[in-house]
Amino acid sequence: MKNFAGKICFVSGGASGAGLGQAKLFAKHGMKVAIGDVRQDALDNAVKEIVAYAGCPESDVLAIKVDLTDRADYTACADKIEETFGGPPHLLIQTAGVNSFGPVEASTFDDFDWVVGVCFDHVVNGLLIFVPRMIKAYAGKEEFHVATTSSGGGFMAGSGCGPYSAAKAAVNNLMYSYAETLVKYGAGATVLCPANINSNIGNAEKYRPEHLRNTGYHVSEGTMMHLRSVHATGQDPIELAEILKEAIENGRIIALQDPNPANWKGQLRSYNETIENYTLTEAEREVIQAEKMKAMREMMEKMKAEGKEMPQMGWAVPEGAEAFGQARKDLDWIKR
């Protein structure tokens, strides 16, 4: 998809963070933009920010309060977009997401139902609701594209955020399938897999539905404070949106935070080592491990010679905060 001006875009989770950055950028490139979110106050603020950033009329921005895990509500959202803008989106971007941290063995059904529900089920809902409409309206006539904001966590195990990593891995695979099949309709699909983003996801627990609050993780205002400090150091949402736009324009199925494939080749390879190592002998694995250790020693020696300090691992806990990622304190089977 090369041309955006005058076309319709819908961004789920578009009231803050990465989704708001995407809404701003594509509005600035002349699209009529609809955003969906469960928080009305955030939607109201987002509309003002989009109009100010893009310099577009407020009538080109549609804010819809919607529960993306509720299929009837999400369908009504799709109907509202068509009613307002005269058709389904040419560009569908599903970015809404939540996360919570703790040992995967401490997870409850509610933890999985909430995180997987928002991070994966909402993507399924949107694809099944919007894609048939998009095909009927635009196949063979106009460009259209579907995109989902996933995560680098979808490529690797995440013992401290198991439901999230599992959901994102499923999102990645599903988007590969859509990329393969949409070609025959003259369309494409992209999955955006960032790392840390300057976003509101650190506050996600505040918006967890009441009926899904039985978590196995230790969650408090202090842990959310720690998460907010982590995400405050993340990539700017507009910069991330630019990477997504470039990927859409060039038909890339995967988009990472660093748009230069040469720079993330090693990263992707490391994500897949668990699978690759299955095919190796013990001797071959030992050789690879020795090479890694040698490379690490050489890097440390170089940094020492240049007077540089090794980067600190982990995230500092601000004063008054609590470290996130711990199990609920009353779970007596958890090794701490």
Protein backbone atom coordinates (compact mmCIF):
# COMPACT_ATOMS: atom_id res chain seq x y z
CA MET A 1 0.00 0.00 0.00
CA LYS A 2 1.62 3.24 -1.17
CA ASN A 3 -1.05 5.92 -1.10
CA PHE A 4 -2.79 7.01 2.10
CA ALA A 5 -4.36 10.40 1.41
CA GLY A 6 -8.16 10.43 1.37
CA LYS A 7 -8.43 6.84 2.58
CA ILE A 8 -9.78 5.40 5.82
CA CYS A 9 -7.75 4.03 8.73
CA PHE A 10 -8.87 2.33 11.92
CA VAL A 11 -6.55 1.90 14.90
CA SER A 12 -7.60 -0.22 17.86
CA GLY A 13 -6.00 1.00 21.06
CA GLY A 14 -5.64 4.34 19.32
CA ALA A 15 -6.20 6.51 22.39
CA SER A 16 -2.66 6.26 23.77
CA GLY A 17 0.84 4.91 23.25
CA ALA A 18 1.75 3.15 20.02
CA GLY A 19 -1.82 3.29 18.72
CA LEU A 20 -2.07 7.04 19.21
CA GLY A 21 1.25 7.48 17.44
CA GLN A 22 -0.08 5.50 14.48
CA ALA A 23 -3.32 7.49 14.42
CA LYS A 24 -1.40 10.78 14.45
CA LEU A 25 0.99 9.76 11.70
CA PHE A 26 -1.58 8.39 9.27
CA ALA A 27 -3.89 11.34 9.91
CA LYS A 28 -0.98 13.61 9.02
CA HIS A 29 -0.64 11.69 5.76
CA GLY A 30 -4.20 12.57 4.86
CA MET A 31 -6.19 9.60 6.11
CA LYS A 32 -9.54 9.78 7.82
CA VAL A 33 -8.79 8.06 11.11
CA ALA A 34 -11.04 6.15 13.49
CA ILE A 35 -9.71 5.08 16.87
CA GLY A 36 -11.19 2.55 19.27
CA ASP A 37 -10.56 2.25 22.98
CA VAL A 38 -12.40 1.30 26.15
CA ARG A 39 -11.51 4.58 27.94
CA GLN A 40 -13.71 7.55 27.00
CA ASP A 41 -11.50 10.17 28.65
CA ALA A 42 -8.47 8.89 26.76
CA LEU A 43 -10.43 8.95 23.50
CA ASP A 44 -11.46 12.56 24.04
CA ASN A 45 -7.88 13.62 24.69
CA ALA A 46 -6.60 11.60 21.74
CA VAL A 47 -8.87 13.35 19.26
CA LYS A 48 -7.47 16.72 20.34
CA GLU A 49 -3.90 15.44 20.03
CA ILE A 50 -4.48 13.94 16.57
CA VAL A 51 -6.08 17.11 15.22
CA ALA A 52 -3.28 19.26 16.65
CA TYR A 53 -0.50 17.01 15.31
CA ALA A 54 -1.97 16.29 11.88
CA GLY A 55 -3.57 19.67 11.25
CA CYS A 56 -6.70 17.92 10.05
CA PRO A 57 -10.34 18.85 10.64
CA GLU A 58 -11.93 17.20 13.66
CA SER A 59 -14.52 15.67 11.32
CA ASP A 60 -11.74 13.45 9.91
CA VAL A 61 -11.20 11.81 13.32
CA LEU A 62 -13.73 9.41 14.80
CA ALA A 63 -13.40 8.17 18.39
CA ILE A 64 -15.36 5.05 19.34
CA LYS A 65 -15.65 3.61 22.82
CA VAL A 66 -15.54 -0.14 22.27
CA ASP A 67 -14.80 -3.38 24.09
CA LEU A 68 -12.66 -5.11 21.48
CA THR A 69 -13.16 -8.51 23.11
CA ASP A 70 -16.94 -8.18 22.69
CA ARG A 71 -17.75 -9.24 19.13
CA ALA A 72 -21.12 -7.49 19.01
CA ASP A 73 -19.58 -4.27 20.30
CA TYR A 74 -16.68 -4.55 17.84
CA THR A 75 -19.10 -5.18 14.97
CA ALA A 76 -21.04 -2.07 15.95
CA CYS A 77 -17.73 -0.19 15.87
CA ALA A 78 -17.12 -1.37 12.30
CA ASP A 79 -20.64 -0.29 11.34
CA LYS A 80 -20.02 3.17 12.84
CA ILE A 81 -16.87 3.62 10.76
CA GLU A 82 -18.72 2.77 7.54
CA GLU A 83 -21.63 5.01 8.48
CA THR A 84 -19.32 7.95 9.24
CA PHE A 85 -16.68 7.65 6.52
CA GLY A 86 -18.62 5.84 3.80
CA GLY A 87 -16.79 2.54 3.82
CA PRO A 88 -14.63 0.11 5.79
CA PRO A 89 -11.01 1.01 6.53
CA HIS A 90 -8.42 0.73 3.78
CA LEU A 91 -5.87 0.33 6.56
CA LEU A 92 -6.72 -1.73 9.63
CA ILE A 93 -4.19 -1.47 12.48
CA GLN A 94 -4.91 -3.51 15.61
CA THR A 95 -2.68 -2.22 18.39
CA ALA A 96 -4.65 -2.56 21.63
CA GLY A 97 -2.78 -4.66 24.15
CA VAL A 98 -2.35 -5.35 27.85
CA ASN A 99 0.27 -7.14 29.90
CA SER A 100 0.97 -8.25 33.42
CA PHE A 101 4.13 -9.79 34.81
CA GLY A 102 4.81 -12.74 37.07
CA PRO A 103 6.11 -16.33 36.96
CA VAL A 104 4.17 -18.24 34.34
CA GLU A 105 3.57 -21.05 36.85
CA ALA A 106 1.73 -18.56 39.07
CA SER A 107 -0.71 -17.62 36.30
CA THR A 108 -4.45 -18.04 36.79
CA PHE A 109 -7.22 -18.62 34.30
CA ASP A 110 -8.08 -14.93 34.70
CA ASP A 111 -4.53 -13.92 33.79
CA PHE A 112 -4.73 -15.90 30.56
CA ASP A 113 -8.31 -14.88 29.77
CA TRP A 114 -7.52 -11.18 30.18
CA VAL A 115 -4.14 -10.98 28.43
CA VAL A 116 -4.89 -13.46 25.65
CA GLY A 117 -8.37 -11.98 25.25
CA VAL A 118 -7.05 -8.50 24.53
CA CYS A 119 -3.76 -9.37 22.81
CA PHE A 120 -4.96 -12.23 20.59
CA ASP A 121 -8.75 -12.63 20.64
CA HIS A 122 -9.30 -8.96 19.81
CA VAL A 123 -7.04 -9.38 16.77
CA VAL A 124 -9.06 -12.39 15.62
CA ASN A 125 -12.27 -10.44 16.15
CA GLY A 126 -11.05 -7.50 14.09
CA LEU A 127 -9.77 -9.62 11.23
CA LEU A 128 -13.00 -11.60 10.99
CA ILE A 129 -15.16 -8.49 11.24
CA PHE A 130 -13.22 -6.16 8.93
CA VAL A 131 -11.40 -8.25 6.32
CA PRO A 132 -14.52 -9.54 4.50
CA ARG A 133 -15.82 -5.97 4.32
CA MET A 134 -12.48 -4.71 3.04
CA ILE A 135 -12.28 -7.42 0.36
CA LYS A 136 -15.81 -6.71 -0.85
CA ALA A 137 -15.24 -2.96 -0.96
CA TYR A 138 -11.70 -2.73 -2.31
CA ALA A 139 -10.36 -5.93 -3.91
CA GLY A 140 -9.31 -5.15 -7.47
CA LYS A 141 -10.28 -1.49 -7.01
CA GLU A 142 -8.19 0.16 -4.30
CA GLU A 143 -5.19 -0.64 -2.14
CA PHE A 144 -5.87 -2.00 1.34
CA HIS A 145 -3.77 -3.48 4.12
CA VAL A 146 -4.08 -5.09 7.56
CA ALA A 147 -1.51 -4.59 10.31
CA THR A 148 -1.18 -5.69 13.90
CA THR A 149 1.13 -4.43 16.61
CA SER A 150 2.60 -7.55 18.18
CA SER A 151 5.88 -7.71 20.10
CA GLY A 152 9.43 -8.96 19.92
CA GLY A 153 8.23 -11.16 22.79
CA GLY A 154 6.28 -13.17 20.23
CA PHE A 155 9.53 -14.67 18.96
CA MET A 156 10.78 -16.03 22.27
CA ALA A 157 9.75 -17.63 25.53
CA GLY A 158 8.74 -15.28 28.30
CA SER A 159 8.70 -17.06 31.64
CA GLY A 160 7.83 -13.76 33.35
CA CYS A 161 4.99 -12.92 30.96
CA GLY A 162 3.84 -16.29 29.60
CA PRO A 163 0.29 -15.34 28.55
CA TYR A 164 1.57 -12.25 26.72
CA SER A 165 4.38 -14.04 24.86
CA ALA A 166 2.04 -16.88 23.88
CA ALA A 167 -0.58 -14.43 22.60
CA LYS A 168 1.96 -12.46 20.60
CA ALA A 169 3.42 -15.63 19.07
CA ALA A 170 -0.09 -16.56 17.94
CA VAL A 171 -0.61 -13.05 16.52
CA ASN A 172 2.62 -13.30 14.53
CA ASN A 173 1.69 -16.64 13.00
CA LEU A 174 -1.84 -15.50 12.20
CA MET A 175 -0.55 -12.42 10.41
CA TYR A 176 1.81 -14.55 8.32
CA SER A 177 -1.27 -16.48 7.19
CA TYR A 178 -3.14 -13.29 6.26
CA ALA A 179 -0.11 -11.96 4.40
CA GLU A 180 -0.05 -15.16 2.34
CA THR A 181 -3.74 -15.15 1.47
CA LEU A 182 -4.39 -11.42 0.93
CA VAL A 183 -2.03 -11.32 -2.04
CA LYS A 184 -4.74 -12.67 -4.31
CA TYR A 185 -6.93 -9.70 -3.38
CA GLY A 186 -4.18 -7.19 -4.14
CA ALA A 187 -3.63 -6.49 -0.45
CA GLY A 188 -1.01 -7.13 2.21
CA ALA A 189 -0.45 -7.73 5.90
CA THR A 190 2.22 -6.57 8.33
CA VAL A 191 3.00 -7.55 11.91
CA LEU A 192 4.90 -4.91 13.87
CA CYS A 193 7.12 -6.45 16.56
CA PRO A 194 8.62 -3.72 18.77
CA ALA A 195 10.44 -3.95 22.07
CA ASN A 196 9.88 -1.26 24.68
CA ILE A 197 7.53 1.60 23.72
CA ASN A 198 6.81 4.81 25.58
CA SER A 199 3.22 3.84 26.22
CA ASN A 200 0.47 3.51 28.82
CA ILE A 201 0.69 -0.30 29.05
CA GLY A 202 2.35 -0.06 32.46
CA ASN A 203 -1.04 1.01 33.82
CA ALA A 204 -2.91 -1.86 32.17
CA GLU A 205 -3.83 -3.52 35.48
CA LYS A 206 -5.94 -0.48 36.34
CA TYR A 207 -8.27 -1.37 33.48
CA ARG A 208 -8.47 -5.13 34.05
CA PRO A 209 -12.18 -6.10 34.14
CA GLU A 210 -13.55 -6.86 37.59
CA HIS A 211 -14.53 -10.41 36.64
CA LEU A 212 -10.93 -11.19 35.61
CA ARG A 213 -9.07 -9.82 38.63
CA ASN A 214 -8.03 -13.12 40.21
CA THR A 215 -4.37 -12.83 39.32
CA GLY A 216 -1.48 -15.00 40.46
CA TYR A 217 0.92 -12.07 40.22
CA HIS A 218 1.85 -9.49 42.83
CA VAL A 219 0.29 -6.30 41.50
CA SER A 220 0.23 -2.97 43.29
CA GLU A 221 0.53 0.75 42.64
CA GLY A 222 4.22 0.24 43.39
CA THR A 223 4.69 -2.39 40.66
CA MET A 224 2.83 -0.21 38.18
CA MET A 225 5.08 2.69 39.15
CA HIS A 226 8.10 0.53 38.30
CA LEU A 227 6.57 -0.44 34.95
CA ARG A 228 5.79 3.18 34.12
CA SER A 229 9.44 4.07 34.72
CA VAL A 230 10.50 1.29 32.34
CA HIS A 231 8.11 2.27 29.56
CA ALA A 232 9.04 5.94 29.91
CA THR A 233 12.42 4.98 28.41
CA GLY A 234 10.83 3.25 25.41
CA GLN A 235 10.73 4.25 21.77
CA ASP A 236 8.67 7.27 20.77
CA PRO A 237 5.31 6.15 19.30
CA ILE A 238 5.65 8.40 16.25
CA GLU A 239 9.04 6.88 15.42
CA LEU A 240 7.52 3.42 15.72
CA ALA A 241 4.62 4.46 13.49
CA GLU A 242 7.11 5.62 10.85
CA ILE A 243 8.66 2.14 10.86
CA LEU A 244 5.22 0.58 10.38
CA LYS A 245 4.43 2.98 7.53
CA GLU A 246 7.68 2.09 5.76
CA ALA A 247 6.93 -1.62 6.15
CA ILE A 248 3.41 -1.18 4.73
CA GLU A 249 4.70 0.84 1.78
CA ASN A 250 7.31 -1.79 0.95
CA GLY A 251 5.18 -4.86 1.53
CA ARG A 252 7.13 -6.11 4.54
CA ILE A 253 5.39 -8.84 6.49
CA ILE A 254 7.49 -8.27 9.63
CA ALA A 255 8.55 -4.88 10.98
CA LEU A 256 10.92 -4.54 13.93
CA GLN A 257 11.97 -1.49 15.90
CA ASP A 258 15.16 -1.26 13.89
CA PRO A 259 14.05 -1.10 10.23
CA ASN A 260 17.47 -2.19 8.90
CA PRO A 261 17.31 -5.99 8.37
CA ALA A 262 21.08 -6.29 8.75
CA ASN A 263 20.84 -4.98 12.31
CA TRP A 264 18.20 -7.43 13.53
CA LYS A 265 19.35 -10.55 11.73
CA GLY A 266 21.29 -11.70 14.79
CA GLN A 267 18.41 -10.86 17.10
CA LEU A 268 15.92 -12.95 15.16
CA ARG A 269 18.42 -15.77 14.94
CA SER A 270 18.84 -15.76 18.70
CA TYR A 271 15.05 -15.90 19.12
CA ASN A 272 14.96 -19.07 17.04
CA GLU A 273 17.87 -20.86 18.70
CA THR A 274 15.58 -23.03 20.78
CA ILE A 275 14.24 -24.59 17.60
CA GLU A 276 17.55 -24.58 15.74
CA ASN A 277 19.38 -26.24 18.63
CA TYR A 278 17.03 -29.22 18.42
CA THR A 279 18.74 -30.18 15.16
CA LEU A 280 22.29 -29.93 16.56
CA THR A 281 24.47 -32.47 18.27
CA GLU A 282 25.79 -31.79 21.76
CA ALA A 283 29.23 -31.15 20.30
CA GLU A 284 27.83 -28.58 17.84
CA ARG A 285 25.98 -26.82 20.65
CA GLU A 286 29.20 -26.65 22.69
CA VAL A 287 31.03 -25.03 19.75
CA ILE A 288 28.29 -22.40 19.39
CA GLN A 289 28.33 -21.67 23.12
CA ALA A 290 32.13 -21.31 23.08
CA GLU A 291 31.90 -18.87 20.18
CA LYS A 292 29.35 -16.80 22.09
CA MET A 293 31.51 -16.70 25.20
CA LYS A 294 34.51 -15.66 23.10
CA ALA A 295 32.51 -12.86 21.48
CA MET A 296 31.33 -11.70 24.92
CA ARG A 297 34.88 -11.63 26.29
CA GLU A 298 36.09 -9.69 23.26
CA MET A 299 33.30 -7.15 23.66
CA MET A 300 34.09 -6.69 27.36
CA GLU A 301 37.80 -6.28 26.64
CA LYS A 302 37.07 -3.70 23.95
CA MET A 303 34.76 -1.73 26.24
CA LYS A 304 37.35 -1.84 29.02
CA ALA A 305 40.06 -0.59 26.64
CA GLU A 306 37.77 2.27 25.58
CA GLY A 307 36.98 3.16 29.18
CA LYS A 308 33.32 2.19 28.87
CA GLU A 309 31.20 0.45 31.49
CA MET A 310 29.16 -2.66 30.83
CA PRO A 311 25.42 -1.89 30.62
CA GLN A 312 23.42 -2.77 33.70
CA MET A 313 21.05 -5.70 33.36
CA GLY A 314 17.46 -5.33 34.43
CA TRP A 315 15.51 -2.21 35.34
CA ALA A 316 16.23 -0.05 38.36
CA VAL A 317 13.37 0.20 40.84
CA PRO A 318 12.53 3.86 41.53
CA GLU A 319 12.21 5.07 45.09
CA GLY A 320 8.76 4.24 46.42
CA ALA A 321 8.12 1.55 43.78
CA GLU A 322 8.09 -2.25 43.95
CA ALA A 323 9.76 -4.60 41.49
CA PHE A 324 7.24 -5.99 39.02
CA GLY A 325 7.23 -9.61 37.89
CA GLN A 326 6.75 -11.37 41.22
CA ALA A 327 4.20 -13.99 42.21
CA ARG A 328 1.39 -13.24 44.60
CA LYS A 329 2.84 -13.49 48.07
CA ASP A 330 0.41 -16.13 49.38
CA LEU A 331 1.23 -18.71 46.67
CA ASP A 332 3.24 -21.29 48.62
CA TRP A 333 4.37 -23.45 45.70
CA ILE A 334 6.37 -20.73 43.99
CA LYS A 335 10.16 -20.77 44.26
CA ARG A 336 11.28 -17.21 45.01
